[in-house]
Amino acid sequence: MPQIPNKLNALSLVIRLKRGSAEHKGDAGKVVLIGGAPGMAGALLLAGNACMHLGAGWTILEMLDPSSAHACADHPELMIRLANPEAINGLHNIKPDVIAIGPGLGNSILAIRSLEKVFDIPSIPLVIDADALNLIASSEDLLKSLQNRNQRFPGLTVLTPHPGEAAGLLKISGADIQSNRLGCIVKLVELTHSIVVLKGQHTLIASPEHPAVQCEEGNSGMGTGGMGDVLTGSIAAIAAQGIRHQLNLWESTGIAVQLHALAADSLVSKGVGPIGLTPSEIILEMRSLLNKRL
């Protein structure tokens, strides 16, 4: 009989995010999100909107697309900068509490340089998604840099692959991933030395220190572009707050995964979806559910 993972039960930890009356934006953390190459700016904006609405004190977008690297009229709270080589080399000067990289990142030289630079910034939580995972899958040097970072700073990196990205990392097919999700997440953890979120029906989370747990919430309405970008921004936001609210990256990841799926179920229960359910709707429902639990 195949092993059945334990159920993810992270939402009891949400209470730690409750803010004191004298807290300020510094207590909620500073997040830098990197991506948004030409034609893919929306991915980074979705991640940024999720990060902002889930409570990060600052949300800074390093946008690779020059035509999109300007203030967003719908969300002027987002701090959007052009991610040119000078800005990427100066990332450490921003003093981020968390970095997320990948939504709409593309595969340009600047994208690769951005990922290399992120690996050089020590001692902070790092969320890696989407194109950043594909770059790692195609480069032994980037994979080695990821492994070295995790040896130096264990427990501070989370990867969030969907089955296709997981297949690229393991050099197998997407069908192979889906036929043995539990076995594959174990291999991903062994390969990368990271916390791994294997997205899909019954998302799995595992790490070098934790056996796999399974998220039992969620529905088919989540199968649309942009849902993963929202999850990336949500993990980053909760991890940033967790630094000063006694939550580590493993716990923050579990909260974000379960809250993300629960928001989709909540919306469907209200007649919103599953067909046509949008990532932007998920963001606002996550915020509402989070605050109800504080």
C-alpha atoms as a PDB file:
ATOM      1  CA  MET A   1       0.000   0.000   0.000  1.00  0.00           C
ATOM      2  CA  PRO A   2       1.377   3.470  -0.849  1.00  0.00           C
ATOM      3  CA  GLN A   3       2.071   5.746   2.072  1.00  0.00           C
ATOM      4  CA  ILE A   4      -0.573   8.426   2.686  1.00  0.00           C
ATOM      5  CA  PRO A   5       0.876  11.786   3.811  1.00  0.00           C
ATOM      6  CA  ASN A   6      -0.439  13.453   6.918  1.00  0.00           C
ATOM      7  CA  LYS A   7      -2.989  16.215   6.417  1.00  0.00           C
ATOM      8  CA  LEU A   8      -1.681  19.769   6.286  1.00  0.00           C
ATOM      9  CA  ASN A   9      -2.984  21.604   9.341  1.00  0.00           C
ATOM     10  CA  ALA A  10      -1.257  24.981   9.388  1.00  0.00           C
ATOM     11  CA  LEU A  11      -4.045  27.487   9.914  1.00  0.00           C
ATOM     12  CA  SER A  12      -3.912  27.178  13.692  1.00  0.00           C
ATOM     13  CA  LEU A  13      -0.614  29.089  13.417  1.00  0.00           C
ATOM     14  CA  VAL A  14      -2.261  32.146  11.825  1.00  0.00           C
ATOM     15  CA  ILE A  15      -2.919  33.664  15.248  1.00  0.00           C
ATOM     16  CA  ARG A  16       0.809  34.397  15.537  1.00  0.00           C
ATOM     17  CA  LEU A  17       0.375  37.031  12.826  1.00  0.00           C
ATOM     18  CA  LYS A  18      -1.919  39.125  15.040  1.00  0.00           C
ATOM     19  CA  ARG A  19      -0.422  42.577  15.312  1.00  0.00           C
ATOM     20  CA  GLY A  20       0.159  44.623  18.390  1.00  0.00           C
ATOM     21  CA  SER A  21      -1.319  48.115  18.479  1.00  0.00           C
ATOM     22  CA  ALA A  22       2.126  49.749  18.209  1.00  0.00           C
ATOM     23  CA  GLU A  23       3.445  47.694  15.298  1.00  0.00           C
ATOM     24  CA  HIS A  24       4.550  49.429  12.106  1.00  0.00           C
ATOM     25  CA  LYS A  25       5.430  48.421   8.563  1.00  0.00           C
ATOM     26  CA  GLY A  26       8.910  47.372   9.608  1.00  0.00           C
ATOM     27  CA  ASP A  27       7.379  44.676  11.785  1.00  0.00           C
ATOM     28  CA  ALA A  28       5.553  43.277   8.740  1.00  0.00           C
ATOM     29  CA  GLY A  29       8.695  42.941   6.651  1.00  0.00           C
ATOM     30  CA  LYS A  30      10.078  44.101   3.324  1.00  0.00           C
ATOM     31  CA  VAL A  31       9.578  41.800   0.323  1.00  0.00           C
ATOM     32  CA  VAL A  32      11.309  42.059  -3.045  1.00  0.00           C
ATOM     33  CA  LEU A  33       9.718  40.171  -5.946  1.00  0.00           C
ATOM     34  CA  ILE A  34      11.688  39.722  -9.178  1.00  0.00           C
ATOM     35  CA  GLY A  35      10.230  38.888 -12.591  1.00  0.00           C
ATOM     36  CA  GLY A  36       7.853  40.385 -15.120  1.00  0.00           C
ATOM     37  CA  ALA A  37       9.829  40.107 -18.357  1.00  0.00           C
ATOM     38  CA  PRO A  38       8.301  41.672 -21.494  1.00  0.00           C
ATOM     39  CA  GLY A  39       4.876  40.179 -22.109  1.00  0.00           C
ATOM     40  CA  MET A  40       4.733  38.684 -18.602  1.00  0.00           C
ATOM     41  CA  ALA A  41       4.389  41.693 -16.317  1.00  0.00           C
ATOM     42  CA  GLY A  42       0.995  40.469 -15.130  1.00  0.00           C
ATOM     43  CA  ALA A  43       2.575  37.512 -13.361  1.00  0.00           C
ATOM     44  CA  LEU A  44       4.699  39.779 -11.187  1.00  0.00           C
ATOM     45  CA  LEU A  45       1.798  42.158 -10.558  1.00  0.00           C
ATOM     46  CA  LEU A  46      -0.348  39.253  -9.345  1.00  0.00           C
ATOM     47  CA  ALA A  47       2.415  38.099  -6.994  1.00  0.00           C
ATOM     48  CA  GLY A  48       2.873  41.664  -5.776  1.00  0.00           C
ATOM     49  CA  ASN A  49      -0.838  42.209  -5.197  1.00  0.00           C
ATOM     50  CA  ALA A  50      -1.022  38.989  -3.199  1.00  0.00           C
ATOM     51  CA  CYS A  51       2.003  40.000  -1.157  1.00  0.00           C
ATOM     52  CA  MET A  52       0.538  43.422  -0.395  1.00  0.00           C
ATOM     53  CA  HIS A  53      -2.954  42.144   0.465  1.00  0.00           C
ATOM     54  CA  LEU A  54      -1.590  39.355   2.673  1.00  0.00           C
ATOM     55  CA  GLY A  55       0.163  41.877   4.862  1.00  0.00           C
ATOM     56  CA  ALA A  56       3.759  42.587   3.870  1.00  0.00           C
ATOM     57  CA  GLY A  57       4.952  45.946   5.182  1.00  0.00           C
ATOM     58  CA  TRP A  58       6.668  46.864   1.902  1.00  0.00           C
ATOM     59  CA  THR A  59       6.157  45.181  -1.463  1.00  0.00           C
ATOM     60  CA  ILE A  60       8.853  46.024  -4.010  1.00  0.00           C
ATOM     61  CA  LEU A  61       8.635  44.717  -7.587  1.00  0.00           C
ATOM     62  CA  GLU A  62      11.827  44.439  -9.632  1.00  0.00           C
ATOM     63  CA  MET A  63      10.223  44.471 -13.099  1.00  0.00           C
ATOM     64  CA  LEU A  64      12.290  43.246 -16.046  1.00  0.00           C
ATOM     65  CA  ASP A  65       9.915  44.761 -18.626  1.00  0.00           C
ATOM     66  CA  PRO A  66      10.893  48.435 -19.113  1.00  0.00           C
ATOM     67  CA  SER A  67       7.461  49.353 -20.485  1.00  0.00           C
ATOM     68  CA  SER A  68       5.776  48.038 -17.297  1.00  0.00           C
ATOM     69  CA  ALA A  69       8.249  49.375 -14.744  1.00  0.00           C
ATOM     70  CA  HIS A  70       6.154  52.332 -13.637  1.00  0.00           C
ATOM     71  CA  ALA A  71       3.596  53.149 -10.973  1.00  0.00           C
ATOM     72  CA  CYS A  72       0.461  51.026 -11.122  1.00  0.00           C
ATOM     73  CA  ALA A  73      -2.597  53.274 -11.026  1.00  0.00           C
ATOM     74  CA  ASP A  74      -4.785  50.501  -9.617  1.00  0.00           C
ATOM     75  CA  HIS A  75      -2.316  49.713  -6.831  1.00  0.00           C
ATOM     76  CA  PRO A  76      -0.040  52.696  -6.155  1.00  0.00           C
ATOM     77  CA  GLU A  77       1.047  51.008  -2.917  1.00  0.00           C
ATOM     78  CA  LEU A  78       3.300  48.721  -4.970  1.00  0.00           C
ATOM     79  CA  MET A  79       6.850  50.023  -5.301  1.00  0.00           C
ATOM     80  CA  ILE A  80       7.820  49.161  -8.886  1.00  0.00           C
ATOM     81  CA  ARG A  81      11.405  49.516 -10.111  1.00  0.00           C
ATOM     82  CA  LEU A  82      13.151  48.645 -13.363  1.00  0.00           C
ATOM     83  CA  ALA A  83      15.251  45.533 -12.849  1.00  0.00           C
ATOM     84  CA  ASN A  84      18.315  46.554 -14.844  1.00  0.00           C
ATOM     85  CA  PRO A  85      21.798  45.180 -14.026  1.00  0.00           C
ATOM     86  CA  GLU A  86      22.569  48.091 -11.706  1.00  0.00           C
ATOM     87  CA  ALA A  87      19.396  47.514  -9.679  1.00  0.00           C
ATOM     88  CA  ILE A  88      19.987  43.771  -9.451  1.00  0.00           C
ATOM     89  CA  ASN A  89      23.575  44.278  -8.290  1.00  0.00           C
ATOM     90  CA  GLY A  90      22.279  46.642  -5.615  1.00  0.00           C
ATOM     91  CA  LEU A  91      19.562  44.367  -4.239  1.00  0.00           C
ATOM     92  CA  HIS A  92      21.389  43.984  -0.941  1.00  0.00           C
ATOM     93  CA  ASN A  93      21.153  47.744  -0.404  1.00  0.00           C
ATOM     94  CA  ILE A  94      17.352  47.445  -0.149  1.00  0.00           C
ATOM     95  CA  LYS A  95      17.869  45.153   2.859  1.00  0.00           C
ATOM     96  CA  PRO A  96      14.955  42.853   2.022  1.00  0.00           C
ATOM     97  CA  ASP A  97      13.533  40.488   4.620  1.00  0.00           C
ATOM     98  CA  VAL A  98      12.297  38.058   1.940  1.00  0.00           C
ATOM     99  CA  ILE A  99      12.953  37.680  -1.789  1.00  0.00           C
ATOM    100  CA  ALA A 100      10.664  35.894  -4.253  1.00  0.00           C
ATOM    101  CA  ILE A 101      11.832  35.279  -7.810  1.00  0.00           C
ATOM    102  CA  GLY A 102      10.267  33.669 -10.845  1.00  0.00           C
ATOM    103  CA  PRO A 103       6.818  34.989 -11.844  1.00  0.00           C
ATOM    104  CA  GLY A 104       7.213  36.009 -15.476  1.00  0.00           C
ATOM    105  CA  LEU A 105      11.013  36.039 -15.101  1.00  0.00           C
ATOM    106  CA  GLY A 106      11.804  34.645 -18.555  1.00  0.00           C
ATOM    107  CA  ASN A 107      15.168  33.221 -19.549  1.00  0.00           C
ATOM    108  CA  SER A 108      17.216  36.274 -20.506  1.00  0.00           C
ATOM    109  CA  ILE A 109      20.763  36.989 -19.402  1.00  0.00           C
ATOM    110  CA  LEU A 110      19.330  39.457 -16.877  1.00  0.00           C
ATOM    111  CA  ALA A 111      16.986  36.756 -15.546  1.00  0.00           C
ATOM    112  CA  ILE A 112      19.918  34.414 -15.016  1.00  0.00           C
ATOM    113  CA  ARG A 113      21.988  37.160 -13.416  1.00  0.00           C
ATOM    114  CA  SER A 114      19.095  38.012 -11.109  1.00  0.00           C
ATOM    115  CA  LEU A 115      18.866  34.436  -9.881  1.00  0.00           C
ATOM    116  CA  GLU A 116      22.617  34.232  -9.377  1.00  0.00           C
ATOM    117  CA  LYS A 117      22.533  37.453  -7.362  1.00  0.00           C
ATOM    118  CA  VAL A 118      19.661  36.229  -5.210  1.00  0.00           C
ATOM    119  CA  PHE A 119      21.621  33.118  -4.287  1.00  0.00           C
ATOM    120  CA  ASP A 120      24.439  35.373  -3.034  1.00  0.00           C
ATOM    121  CA  ILE A 121      22.211  37.216  -0.544  1.00  0.00           C
ATOM    122  CA  PRO A 122      22.523  35.307   2.748  1.00  0.00           C
ATOM    123  CA  SER A 123      20.325  34.486   5.688  1.00  0.00           C
ATOM    124  CA  ILE A 124      16.876  35.491   4.407  1.00  0.00           C
ATOM    125  CA  PRO A 125      13.895  33.417   3.210  1.00  0.00           C
ATOM    126  CA  LEU A 126      13.824  32.865  -0.533  1.00  0.00           C
ATOM    127  CA  VAL A 127      10.783  31.801  -2.601  1.00  0.00           C
ATOM    128  CA  ILE A 128      11.571  30.326  -6.045  1.00  0.00           C
ATOM    129  CA  ASP A 129       8.852  29.740  -8.629  1.00  0.00           C
ATOM    130  CA  ALA A 130       8.036  29.482 -12.321  1.00  0.00           C
ATOM    131  CA  ASP A 131      10.790  30.529 -14.740  1.00  0.00           C
ATOM    132  CA  ALA A 132      13.383  30.584 -11.964  1.00  0.00           C
ATOM    133  CA  LEU A 133      12.751  26.854 -11.515  1.00  0.00           C
ATOM    134  CA  ASN A 134      13.142  26.286 -15.251  1.00  0.00           C
ATOM    135  CA  LEU A 135      16.465  28.127 -15.218  1.00  0.00           C
ATOM    136  CA  ILE A 136      17.698  25.931 -12.374  1.00  0.00           C
ATOM    137  CA  ALA A 137      16.516  22.819 -14.211  1.00  0.00           C
ATOM    138  CA  SER A 138      18.564  23.798 -17.264  1.00  0.00           C
ATOM    139  CA  SER A 139      21.774  24.769 -15.453  1.00  0.00           C
ATOM    140  CA  GLU A 140      24.008  22.581 -13.307  1.00  0.00           C
ATOM    141  CA  ASP A 141      25.732  25.722 -12.044  1.00  0.00           C
ATOM    142  CA  LEU A 142      22.481  27.258 -10.803  1.00  0.00           C
ATOM    143  CA  LEU A 143      21.434  23.977  -9.206  1.00  0.00           C
ATOM    144  CA  LYS A 144      24.787  23.779  -7.428  1.00  0.00           C
ATOM    145  CA  SER A 145      24.397  27.372  -6.220  1.00  0.00           C
ATOM    146  CA  LEU A 146      20.969  26.511  -4.818  1.00  0.00           C
ATOM    147  CA  GLN A 147      22.331  23.438  -3.067  1.00  0.00           C
ATOM    148  CA  ASN A 148      25.254  25.395  -1.618  1.00  0.00           C
ATOM    149  CA  ARG A 149      22.950  28.123  -0.309  1.00  0.00           C
ATOM    150  CA  ASN A 150      20.779  25.559   1.428  1.00  0.00           C
ATOM    151  CA  GLN A 151      23.780  23.890   2.999  1.00  0.00           C
ATOM    152  CA  ARG A 152      24.848  27.257   4.428  1.00  0.00           C
ATOM    153  CA  PHE A 153      21.345  28.448   5.358  1.00  0.00           C
ATOM    154  CA  PRO A 154      19.092  25.412   5.830  1.00  0.00           C
ATOM    155  CA  GLY A 155      15.347  25.928   5.949  1.00  0.00           C
ATOM    156  CA  LEU A 156      15.460  29.285   4.172  1.00  0.00           C
ATOM    157  CA  THR A 157      14.461  28.350   0.611  1.00  0.00           C
ATOM    158  CA  VAL A 158      11.110  27.142  -0.719  1.00  0.00           C
ATOM    159  CA  LEU A 159      10.481  25.946  -4.272  1.00  0.00           C
ATOM    160  CA  THR A 160       6.924  25.924  -5.630  1.00  0.00           C
ATOM    161  CA  PRO A 161       6.877  23.815  -8.819  1.00  0.00           C
ATOM    162  CA  HIS A 162       3.828  22.660 -10.703  1.00  0.00           C
ATOM    163  CA  PRO A 163       4.145  19.145 -12.214  1.00  0.00           C
ATOM    164  CA  GLY A 164       5.782  20.409 -15.414  1.00  0.00           C
ATOM    165  CA  GLU A 165       8.443  22.383 -13.544  1.00  0.00           C
ATOM    166  CA  ALA A 166       9.005  19.456 -11.194  1.00  0.00           C
ATOM    167  CA  ALA A 167       9.470  17.188 -14.215  1.00  0.00           C
ATOM    168  CA  GLY A 168      12.136  19.533 -15.574  1.00  0.00           C
ATOM    169  CA  LEU A 169      14.059  19.460 -12.321  1.00  0.00           C
ATOM    170  CA  LEU A 170      13.956  15.656 -12.112  1.00  0.00           C
ATOM    171  CA  LYS A 171      14.492  15.092 -15.866  1.00  0.00           C
ATOM    172  CA  ILE A 172      11.351  12.985 -16.189  1.00  0.00           C
ATOM    173  CA  SER A 173       7.901  13.524 -17.678  1.00  0.00           C
ATOM    174  CA  GLY A 174       4.946  15.330 -16.178  1.00  0.00           C
ATOM    175  CA  ALA A 175       3.049  12.041 -16.313  1.00  0.00           C
ATOM    176  CA  ASP A 176       5.760  10.448 -14.182  1.00  0.00           C
ATOM    177  CA  ILE A 177       5.315  13.199 -11.603  1.00  0.00           C
ATOM    178  CA  GLN A 178       1.558  12.769 -11.465  1.00  0.00           C
ATOM    179  CA  SER A 179       1.738   8.985 -11.179  1.00  0.00           C
ATOM    180  CA  ASN A 180       4.012   9.154  -8.117  1.00  0.00           C
ATOM    181  CA  ARG A 181       3.668  12.574  -6.537  1.00  0.00           C
ATOM    182  CA  LEU A 182       4.807  11.490  -3.092  1.00  0.00           C
ATOM    183  CA  GLY A 183       7.913   9.754  -4.396  1.00  0.00           C
ATOM    184  CA  CYS A 184       8.747  12.701  -6.614  1.00  0.00           C
ATOM    185  CA  ILE A 185       8.522  15.316  -3.883  1.00  0.00           C
ATOM    186  CA  VAL A 186      10.944  13.241  -1.820  1.00  0.00           C
ATOM    187  CA  LYS A 187      13.355  13.254  -4.785  1.00  0.00           C
ATOM    188  CA  LEU A 188      12.927  17.003  -5.251  1.00  0.00           C
ATOM    189  CA  VAL A 189      13.804  17.625  -1.618  1.00  0.00           C
ATOM    190  CA  GLU A 190      16.846  15.368  -1.912  1.00  0.00           C
ATOM    191  CA  LEU A 191      17.976  17.103  -5.105  1.00  0.00           C
ATOM    192  CA  THR A 192      17.548  20.698  -3.981  1.00  0.00           C
ATOM    193  CA  HIS A 193      17.841  20.499  -0.159  1.00  0.00           C
ATOM    194  CA  SER A 194      14.850  22.874  -0.093  1.00  0.00           C
ATOM    195  CA  ILE A 195      11.334  23.085   1.225  1.00  0.00           C
ATOM    196  CA  VAL A 196       9.273  21.957  -1.774  1.00  0.00           C
ATOM    197  CA  VAL A 197       5.633  22.696  -2.593  1.00  0.00           C
ATOM    198  CA  LEU A 198       4.476  20.308  -5.323  1.00  0.00           C
ATOM    199  CA  LYS A 199       1.368  22.041  -6.624  1.00  0.00           C
ATOM    200  CA  GLY A 200      -1.676  20.308  -8.061  1.00  0.00           C
ATOM    201  CA  GLN A 201      -4.673  18.425  -6.741  1.00  0.00           C
ATOM    202  CA  HIS A 202      -3.844  17.779  -3.073  1.00  0.00           C
ATOM    203  CA  THR A 203      -0.706  19.918  -3.027  1.00  0.00           C
ATOM    204  CA  LEU A 204       2.185  18.332  -1.143  1.00  0.00           C
ATOM    205  CA  ILE A 205       4.773  20.082   1.023  1.00  0.00           C
ATOM    206  CA  ALA A 206       7.992  18.481   2.281  1.00  0.00           C
ATOM    207  CA  SER A 207      11.481  19.517   3.394  1.00  0.00           C
ATOM    208  CA  PRO A 208      14.751  17.949   4.557  1.00  0.00           C
ATOM    209  CA  GLU A 209      13.443  18.240   8.142  1.00  0.00           C
ATOM    210  CA  HIS A 210       9.756  17.416   7.535  1.00  0.00           C
ATOM    211  CA  PRO A 211       7.985  14.475   5.905  1.00  0.00           C
ATOM    212  CA  ALA A 212       5.415  15.285   3.261  1.00  0.00           C
ATOM    213  CA  VAL A 213       2.055  16.712   4.278  1.00  0.00           C
ATOM    214  CA  GLN A 214      -0.942  17.041   1.975  1.00  0.00           C
ATOM    215  CA  CYS A 215      -3.330  19.952   1.537  1.00  0.00           C
ATOM    216  CA  GLU A 216      -6.843  18.546   1.314  1.00  0.00           C
ATOM    217  CA  GLU A 217      -8.510  21.854   0.440  1.00  0.00           C
ATOM    218  CA  GLY A 218      -8.781  23.273  -3.074  1.00  0.00           C
ATOM    219  CA  ASN A 219     -10.783  22.626  -6.235  1.00  0.00           C
ATOM    220  CA  SER A 220     -10.620  22.555 -10.030  1.00  0.00           C
ATOM    221  CA  GLY A 221     -11.255  26.282 -10.295  1.00  0.00           C
ATOM    222  CA  MET A 222      -7.617  26.810  -9.276  1.00  0.00           C
ATOM    223  CA  GLY A 223      -6.470  25.383 -12.606  1.00  0.00           C
ATOM    224  CA  THR A 224      -5.925  28.725 -14.315  1.00  0.00           C
ATOM    225  CA  GLY A 225      -2.958  30.937 -15.105  1.00  0.00           C
ATOM    226  CA  GLY A 226      -1.786  33.168 -12.297  1.00  0.00           C
ATOM    227  CA  MET A 227      -2.811  31.000  -9.332  1.00  0.00           C
ATOM    228  CA  GLY A 228       0.812  30.021  -8.736  1.00  0.00           C
ATOM    229  CA  ASP A 229       1.917  33.655  -8.856  1.00  0.00           C
ATOM    230  CA  VAL A 230      -0.608  34.438  -6.124  1.00  0.00           C
ATOM    231  CA  LEU A 231       0.752  31.605  -4.004  1.00  0.00           C
ATOM    232  CA  THR A 232       4.313  32.877  -4.438  1.00  0.00           C
ATOM    233  CA  GLY A 233       3.372  36.363  -3.253  1.00  0.00           C
ATOM    234  CA  SER A 234       1.354  34.940  -0.368  1.00  0.00           C
ATOM    235  CA  ILE A 235       4.210  32.777   0.910  1.00  0.00           C
ATOM    236  CA  ALA A 236       6.546  35.762   0.710  1.00  0.00           C
ATOM    237  CA  ALA A 237       4.137  38.017   2.623  1.00  0.00           C
ATOM    238  CA  ILE A 238       3.523  35.560   5.432  1.00  0.00           C
ATOM    239  CA  ALA A 239       7.219  34.688   5.676  1.00  0.00           C
ATOM    240  CA  ALA A 240       8.099  38.395   5.945  1.00  0.00           C
ATOM    241  CA  GLN A 241       5.657  38.857   8.822  1.00  0.00           C
ATOM    242  CA  GLY A 242       6.786  35.587  10.346  1.00  0.00           C
ATOM    243  CA  ILE A 243      10.308  36.875  10.912  1.00  0.00           C
ATOM    244  CA  ARG A 244       9.009  39.047  13.782  1.00  0.00           C
ATOM    245  CA  HIS A 245       5.996  36.912  14.651  1.00  0.00           C
ATOM    246  CA  GLN A 246       7.608  33.563  15.478  1.00  0.00           C
ATOM    247  CA  LEU A 247       6.894  31.762  12.211  1.00  0.00           C
ATOM    248  CA  ASN A 248       9.626  30.021  10.239  1.00  0.00           C
ATOM    249  CA  LEU A 249       9.543  29.484   6.470  1.00  0.00           C
ATOM    250  CA  TRP A 250       8.128  25.965   6.747  1.00  0.00           C
ATOM    251  CA  GLU A 251       5.224  27.220   8.868  1.00  0.00           C
ATOM    252  CA  SER A 252       4.658  30.283   6.689  1.00  0.00           C
ATOM    253  CA  THR A 253       4.566  28.120   3.574  1.00  0.00           C
ATOM    254  CA  GLY A 254       1.995  25.782   5.117  1.00  0.00           C
ATOM    255  CA  ILE A 255      -0.245  28.685   6.093  1.00  0.00           C
ATOM    256  CA  ALA A 256      -0.086  30.197   2.607  1.00  0.00           C
ATOM    257  CA  VAL A 257      -0.762  26.912   0.807  1.00  0.00           C
ATOM    258  CA  GLN A 258      -3.748  26.040   2.962  1.00  0.00           C
ATOM    259  CA  LEU A 259      -5.170  29.579   2.967  1.00  0.00           C
ATOM    260  CA  HIS A 260      -4.832  29.742  -0.833  1.00  0.00           C
ATOM    261  CA  ALA A 261      -6.776  26.509  -1.310  1.00  0.00           C
ATOM    262  CA  LEU A 262      -9.339  27.360   1.349  1.00  0.00           C
ATOM    263  CA  ALA A 263     -10.048  30.686  -0.346  1.00  0.00           C
ATOM    264  CA  ALA A 264     -10.864  28.861  -3.573  1.00  0.00           C
ATOM    265  CA  ASP A 265     -13.254  26.543  -1.724  1.00  0.00           C
ATOM    266  CA  SER A 266     -14.861  29.492   0.056  1.00  0.00           C
ATOM    267  CA  LEU A 267     -15.510  31.322  -3.202  1.00  0.00           C
ATOM    268  CA  VAL A 268     -16.997  28.248  -4.873  1.00  0.00           C
ATOM    269  CA  SER A 269     -19.284  27.780  -1.891  1.00  0.00           C
ATOM    270  CA  LYS A 270     -20.581  31.305  -2.584  1.00  0.00           C
ATOM    271  CA  GLY A 271     -21.222  30.546  -6.252  1.00  0.00           C
ATOM    272  CA  VAL A 272     -18.026  32.127  -7.581  1.00  0.00           C
ATOM    273  CA  GLY A 273     -16.586  29.457  -9.865  1.00  0.00           C
ATOM    274  CA  PRO A 274     -15.163  26.927 -10.185  1.00  0.00           C
ATOM    275  CA  ILE A 275     -15.323  27.872 -13.864  1.00  0.00           C
ATOM    276  CA  GLY A 276     -14.051  31.412 -14.266  1.00  0.00           C
ATOM    277  CA  LEU A 277     -12.550  31.689 -10.787  1.00  0.00           C
ATOM    278  CA  THR A 278      -9.717  34.236 -11.010  1.00  0.00           C
ATOM    279  CA  PRO A 279      -6.471  34.685  -9.091  1.00  0.00           C
ATOM    280  CA  SER A 280      -7.419  38.272  -8.245  1.00  0.00           C
ATOM    281  CA  GLU A 281     -10.589  37.035  -6.530  1.00  0.00           C
ATOM    282  CA  ILE A 282      -8.515  34.518  -4.583  1.00  0.00           C
ATOM    283  CA  ILE A 283      -6.281  37.295  -3.236  1.00  0.00           C
ATOM    284  CA  LEU A 284      -9.146  39.223  -1.677  1.00  0.00           C
ATOM    285  CA  GLU A 285     -10.767  36.095  -0.252  1.00  0.00           C
ATOM    286  CA  MET A 286      -7.446  35.054   1.307  1.00  0.00           C
ATOM    287  CA  ARG A 287      -7.186  38.437   2.998  1.00  0.00           C
ATOM    288  CA  SER A 288     -10.702  38.099   4.363  1.00  0.00           C
ATOM    289  CA  LEU A 289     -10.154  34.571   5.690  1.00  0.00           C
ATOM    290  CA  LEU A 290      -6.829  35.516   7.231  1.00  0.00           C
ATOM    291  CA  ASN A 291      -8.282  38.423   9.168  1.00  0.00           C
ATOM    292  CA  LYS A 292     -11.258  36.370  10.372  1.00  0.00           C
ATOM    293  CA  ARG A 293      -8.829  33.987  12.062  1.00  0.00           C
ATOM    294  CA  LEU A 294      -6.901  36.647  13.987  1.00  0.00           C
END
